[in-house]
């Protein structure tokens, strides 16, 4: 009886330890979708920054308006990059993130 119980415990430990290896090191689909979404949002935000710079250079935005808009857009871009980095770290580690 002890032998059977020991074998069951051993099998459970092996299953838990080997679980990350069975995934093949890849990320789960929801992580990949989130990574793609965040990367696209980051690129879109960078385009907004470039567009605002062009609008300023062509006289469509005043200096004061450009400074405010540029500050807001860059803050949003930084937040997106932080979220993207966190998602990449979490998917590389194979664990969910908040």
N, C-alpha and C. Protein backbone atom coordinates (compact mmCIF):
# COMPACT_ATOMS: atom_id res chain seq x y z
N UNK A 1 0.82 -1.19 0.00
CA UNK A 1 0.00 0.00 0.00
C UNK A 1 0.87 1.25 0.00
N UNK A 2 1.93 1.25 0.78
CA UNK A 2 2.83 2.41 0.83
C UNK A 2 3.52 2.60 -0.51
N UNK A 3 3.83 1.50 -1.17
CA UNK A 3 4.48 1.59 -2.47
C UNK A 3 3.55 2.25 -3.50
N UNK A 4 2.28 1.90 -3.50
CA UNK A 4 1.32 2.49 -4.43
C UNK A 4 1.16 3.97 -4.14
N UNK A 5 1.05 4.33 -2.87
CA UNK A 5 0.91 5.73 -2.48
C UNK A 5 2.16 6.52 -2.87
N UNK A 6 3.33 5.94 -2.66
CA UNK A 6 4.59 6.60 -3.04
C UNK A 6 4.66 6.81 -4.55
N UNK A 7 4.23 5.81 -5.31
CA UNK A 7 4.24 5.93 -6.77
C UNK A 7 3.25 7.02 -7.24
N UNK A 8 2.11 7.11 -6.61
CA UNK A 8 1.14 8.15 -6.97
C UNK A 8 1.69 9.55 -6.68
N UNK A 9 2.31 9.70 -5.52
CA UNK A 9 2.90 10.99 -5.16
C UNK A 9 4.03 11.33 -6.14
N UNK A 10 4.85 10.37 -6.47
CA UNK A 10 5.94 10.58 -7.41
C UNK A 10 5.40 10.97 -8.79
N UNK A 11 4.35 10.31 -9.23
CA UNK A 11 3.75 10.63 -10.52
C UNK A 11 3.18 12.05 -10.52
N UNK A 12 2.57 12.46 -9.42
CA UNK A 12 2.03 13.82 -9.32
C UNK A 12 3.14 14.85 -9.36
N UNK A 13 4.23 14.60 -8.66
CA UNK A 13 5.37 15.52 -8.66
C UNK A 13 5.97 15.63 -10.05
N UNK A 14 6.15 14.52 -10.72
CA UNK A 14 6.70 14.52 -12.07
C UNK A 14 5.77 15.30 -13.01
N UNK A 15 4.48 15.12 -12.89
CA UNK A 15 3.52 15.82 -13.75
C UNK A 15 3.60 17.33 -13.54
N UNK A 16 3.70 17.76 -12.30
CA UNK A 16 3.79 19.20 -12.01
C UNK A 16 5.09 19.78 -12.51
N UNK A 17 6.19 19.09 -12.28
CA UNK A 17 7.50 19.59 -12.69
C UNK A 17 7.63 19.60 -14.21
N UNK A 18 7.08 18.63 -14.88
CA UNK A 18 7.22 18.52 -16.33
C UNK A 18 6.21 19.36 -17.10
N UNK A 19 5.21 19.94 -16.45
CA UNK A 19 4.18 20.70 -17.14
C UNK A 19 4.75 21.81 -18.02
N UNK A 20 5.68 22.64 -17.56
CA UNK A 20 6.22 23.68 -18.44
C UNK A 20 6.95 23.11 -19.65
N UNK A 21 7.56 21.97 -19.50
CA UNK A 21 8.28 21.35 -20.61
C UNK A 21 7.33 20.84 -21.69
N UNK A 22 6.15 20.38 -21.29
CA UNK A 22 5.18 19.87 -22.25
C UNK A 22 4.60 20.98 -23.11
N UNK A 23 4.62 22.21 -22.61
CA UNK A 23 4.11 23.33 -23.40
C UNK A 23 5.00 23.63 -24.59
N UNK A 24 6.21 23.16 -24.58
CA UNK A 24 7.12 23.39 -25.69
C UNK A 24 7.75 24.75 -25.67
N UNK A 25 7.67 25.47 -24.57
CA UNK A 25 8.30 26.76 -24.45
C UNK A 25 7.55 27.88 -25.16
N UNK A 26 6.47 27.58 -25.85
CA UNK A 26 5.72 28.62 -26.55
C UNK A 26 4.78 29.34 -25.61
N UNK A 27 4.25 30.45 -26.09
CA UNK A 27 3.29 31.18 -25.28
C UNK A 27 1.90 30.69 -25.62
N UNK A 28 1.00 30.88 -24.70
CA UNK A 28 -0.37 30.49 -24.92
C UNK A 28 -1.03 31.49 -25.87
N UNK A 29 -2.06 31.07 -26.59
CA UNK A 29 -2.68 31.96 -27.60
C UNK A 29 -3.14 33.30 -27.05
N UNK A 30 -3.69 33.32 -25.83
CA UNK A 30 -4.16 34.61 -25.30
C UNK A 30 -3.00 35.56 -25.04
N UNK A 31 -1.84 35.01 -24.64
CA UNK A 31 -0.67 35.86 -24.45
C UNK A 31 -0.19 36.41 -25.79
N UNK A 32 -0.19 35.56 -26.81
CA UNK A 32 0.25 36.02 -28.13
C UNK A 32 -0.70 37.08 -28.67
N UNK A 33 -1.99 36.91 -28.46
CA UNK A 33 -2.96 37.90 -28.91
C UNK A 33 -2.75 39.22 -28.16
N UNK A 34 -2.50 39.13 -26.86
CA UNK A 34 -2.27 40.35 -26.08
C UNK A 34 -0.98 41.03 -26.51
N UNK A 35 0.06 40.25 -26.76
CA UNK A 35 1.32 40.83 -27.23
C UNK A 35 1.13 41.54 -28.56
N UNK A 36 0.41 40.91 -29.48
CA UNK A 36 0.16 41.53 -30.79
C UNK A 36 -0.66 42.80 -30.64
N UNK A 37 -1.65 42.77 -29.78
CA UNK A 37 -2.50 43.94 -29.57
C UNK A 37 -1.69 45.10 -28.97
N UNK A 38 -0.87 44.81 -27.97
CA UNK A 38 -0.06 45.84 -27.35
C UNK A 38 0.98 46.40 -28.32
N UNK A 39 1.58 45.52 -29.12
CA UNK A 39 2.57 45.98 -30.11
C UNK A 39 1.90 46.89 -31.15
N UNK A 40 0.71 46.53 -31.58
CA UNK A 40 -0.01 47.37 -32.54
C UNK A 40 -0.39 48.71 -31.92
N UNK A 41 -0.82 48.70 -30.66
CA UNK A 41 -1.16 49.94 -29.98
C UNK A 41 0.06 50.83 -29.82
N UNK A 42 1.20 50.23 -29.53
CA UNK A 42 2.45 51.00 -29.39
C UNK A 42 2.81 51.65 -30.72
N UNK A 43 2.73 50.90 -31.81
CA UNK A 43 3.05 51.46 -33.12
C UNK A 43 2.07 52.58 -33.50
N UNK A 44 0.81 52.39 -33.17
CA UNK A 44 -0.19 53.43 -33.46
C UNK A 44 0.11 54.70 -32.66
N UNK A 45 0.53 54.52 -31.42
CA UNK A 45 0.85 55.69 -30.58
C UNK A 45 2.07 56.41 -31.12
N UNK A 46 3.06 55.66 -31.61
CA UNK A 46 4.23 56.29 -32.22
C UNK A 46 3.84 57.07 -33.47
N UNK A 47 2.89 56.55 -34.24
CA UNK A 47 2.40 57.28 -35.41
C UNK A 47 1.71 58.57 -34.99
N UNK A 48 0.94 58.51 -33.90
CA UNK A 48 0.29 59.72 -33.39
C UNK A 48 1.32 60.77 -33.00
N UNK A 49 2.41 60.34 -32.36
CA UNK A 49 3.47 61.27 -31.97
C UNK A 49 4.09 61.91 -33.21
N UNK A 50 4.37 61.10 -34.22
CA UNK A 50 4.94 61.64 -35.47
C UNK A 50 3.96 62.59 -36.17
N UNK A 51 2.69 62.24 -36.17
CA UNK A 51 1.68 63.10 -36.78
C UNK A 51 1.58 64.44 -36.05
N UNK A 52 1.63 64.40 -34.72
CA UNK A 52 1.57 65.64 -33.94
C UNK A 52 2.81 66.50 -34.22
N UNK A 53 3.95 65.86 -34.36
CA UNK A 53 5.17 66.60 -34.69
C UNK A 53 5.05 67.26 -36.06
N UNK A 54 4.50 66.53 -37.02
CA UNK A 54 4.29 67.09 -38.36
C UNK A 54 3.29 68.25 -38.31
N UNK A 55 2.21 68.07 -37.56
CA UNK A 55 1.23 69.15 -37.42
C UNK A 55 1.87 70.39 -36.81
N UNK A 56 2.74 70.21 -35.85
CA UNK A 56 3.43 71.35 -35.24
C UNK A 56 4.35 72.03 -36.26
N UNK A 57 5.10 71.23 -36.99
CA UNK A 57 6.04 71.80 -37.97
C UNK A 57 5.34 72.51 -39.12
N UNK A 58 4.15 72.06 -39.46
CA UNK A 58 3.41 72.70 -40.55
C UNK A 58 2.51 73.82 -40.05
N UNK A 59 2.55 74.12 -38.76
CA UNK A 59 1.80 75.24 -38.23
C UNK A 59 0.37 74.93 -37.84
N UNK A 60 -0.02 73.67 -37.85
CA UNK A 60 -1.39 73.31 -37.47
C UNK A 60 -1.58 73.31 -35.96
N UNK A 61 -0.48 73.19 -35.22
CA UNK A 61 -0.53 73.21 -33.75
C UNK A 61 0.37 74.32 -33.24
N UNK A 62 -0.12 75.03 -32.22
CA UNK A 62 0.72 76.04 -31.58
C UNK A 62 1.77 75.35 -30.73
N UNK A 63 2.77 76.08 -30.30
CA UNK A 63 3.83 75.53 -29.46
C UNK A 63 3.24 74.98 -28.16
N UNK A 64 2.35 75.75 -27.54
CA UNK A 64 1.75 75.32 -26.27
C UNK A 64 0.91 74.06 -26.47
N UNK A 65 0.08 74.05 -27.51
CA UNK A 65 -0.75 72.87 -27.78
C UNK A 65 0.12 71.66 -28.08
N UNK A 66 1.18 71.86 -28.84
CA UNK A 66 2.07 70.75 -29.18
C UNK A 66 2.72 70.18 -27.93
N UNK A 67 3.18 71.06 -27.04
CA UNK A 67 3.83 70.56 -25.81
C UNK A 67 2.88 69.71 -24.99
N UNK A 68 1.64 70.18 -24.83
CA UNK A 68 0.65 69.42 -24.05
C UNK A 68 0.34 68.08 -24.72
N UNK A 69 0.06 68.13 -26.03
CA UNK A 69 -0.26 66.91 -26.76
C UNK A 69 0.91 65.94 -26.77
N UNK A 70 2.11 66.46 -27.01
CA UNK A 70 3.30 65.60 -27.05
C UNK A 70 3.51 64.92 -25.69
N UNK A 71 3.34 65.68 -24.61
CA UNK A 71 3.51 65.11 -23.27
C UNK A 71 2.50 63.98 -23.03
N UNK A 72 1.24 64.21 -23.40
CA UNK A 72 0.20 63.19 -23.21
C UNK A 72 0.49 61.94 -24.05
N UNK A 73 0.82 62.15 -25.32
CA UNK A 73 1.07 61.01 -26.20
C UNK A 73 2.28 60.20 -25.75
N UNK A 74 3.34 60.88 -25.34
CA UNK A 74 4.53 60.17 -24.89
C UNK A 74 4.28 59.41 -23.59
N UNK A 75 3.48 59.98 -22.69
CA UNK A 75 3.13 59.28 -21.45
C UNK A 75 2.34 58.01 -21.77
N UNK A 76 1.41 58.12 -22.72
CA UNK A 76 0.64 56.95 -23.13
C UNK A 76 1.54 55.90 -23.80
N UNK A 77 2.48 56.35 -24.61
CA UNK A 77 3.41 55.42 -25.27
C UNK A 77 4.27 54.70 -24.25
N UNK A 78 4.74 55.43 -23.24
CA UNK A 78 5.56 54.81 -22.20
C UNK A 78 4.76 53.75 -21.45
N UNK A 79 3.51 54.05 -21.14
CA UNK A 79 2.67 53.07 -20.44
C UNK A 79 2.45 51.82 -21.31
N UNK A 80 2.22 52.02 -22.61
CA UNK A 80 2.06 50.88 -23.51
C UNK A 80 3.34 50.04 -23.56
N UNK A 81 4.49 50.70 -23.61
CA UNK A 81 5.75 49.95 -23.65
C UNK A 81 5.98 49.18 -22.36
N UNK A 82 5.61 49.76 -21.23
CA UNK A 82 5.72 49.04 -19.95
C UNK A 82 4.83 47.81 -19.94
N UNK A 83 3.60 47.98 -20.40
CA UNK A 83 2.67 46.85 -20.45
C UNK A 83 3.17 45.77 -21.41
N UNK A 84 3.72 46.19 -22.54
CA UNK A 84 4.25 45.24 -23.51
C UNK A 84 5.44 44.48 -22.94
N UNK A 85 6.34 45.18 -22.25
CA UNK A 85 7.48 44.52 -21.62
C UNK A 85 7.01 43.52 -20.56
N UNK A 86 6.03 43.92 -19.75
CA UNK A 86 5.51 43.03 -18.70
C UNK A 86 4.87 41.79 -19.33
N UNK A 87 4.12 41.99 -20.41
CA UNK A 87 3.48 40.85 -21.08
C UNK A 87 4.52 39.92 -21.69
N UNK A 88 5.58 40.49 -22.25
CA UNK A 88 6.65 39.66 -22.82
C UNK A 88 7.36 38.86 -21.73
N UNK A 89 7.63 39.51 -20.59
CA UNK A 89 8.29 38.79 -19.49
C UNK A 89 7.39 37.67 -18.97
N UNK A 90 6.09 37.96 -18.85
CA UNK A 90 5.17 36.95 -18.33
C UNK A 90 5.02 35.79 -19.31
N UNK A 91 4.96 36.08 -20.60
CA UNK A 91 4.81 34.98 -21.55
C UNK A 91 6.09 34.17 -21.67
N UNK A 92 7.23 34.82 -21.50
CA UNK A 92 8.50 34.08 -21.53
C UNK A 92 8.63 33.17 -20.32
N UNK A 93 8.05 33.61 -19.20
CA UNK A 93 8.08 32.79 -17.99
C UNK A 93 6.97 31.76 -17.96
N UNK A 94 6.04 31.85 -18.90
CA UNK A 94 4.95 30.87 -18.98
C UNK A 94 3.92 31.00 -17.89
N UNK A 95 3.83 32.20 -17.32
CA UNK A 95 2.83 32.38 -16.28
C UNK A 95 1.98 33.61 -16.57
N UNK A 96 0.73 33.61 -16.14
CA UNK A 96 -0.14 34.74 -16.40
C UNK A 96 0.34 35.98 -15.67
N UNK A 97 -0.13 37.14 -16.11
CA UNK A 97 0.24 38.39 -15.48
C UNK A 97 -1.02 39.22 -15.26
N UNK A 98 -0.89 40.24 -14.43
CA UNK A 98 -2.05 41.09 -14.12
C UNK A 98 -2.21 42.20 -15.11
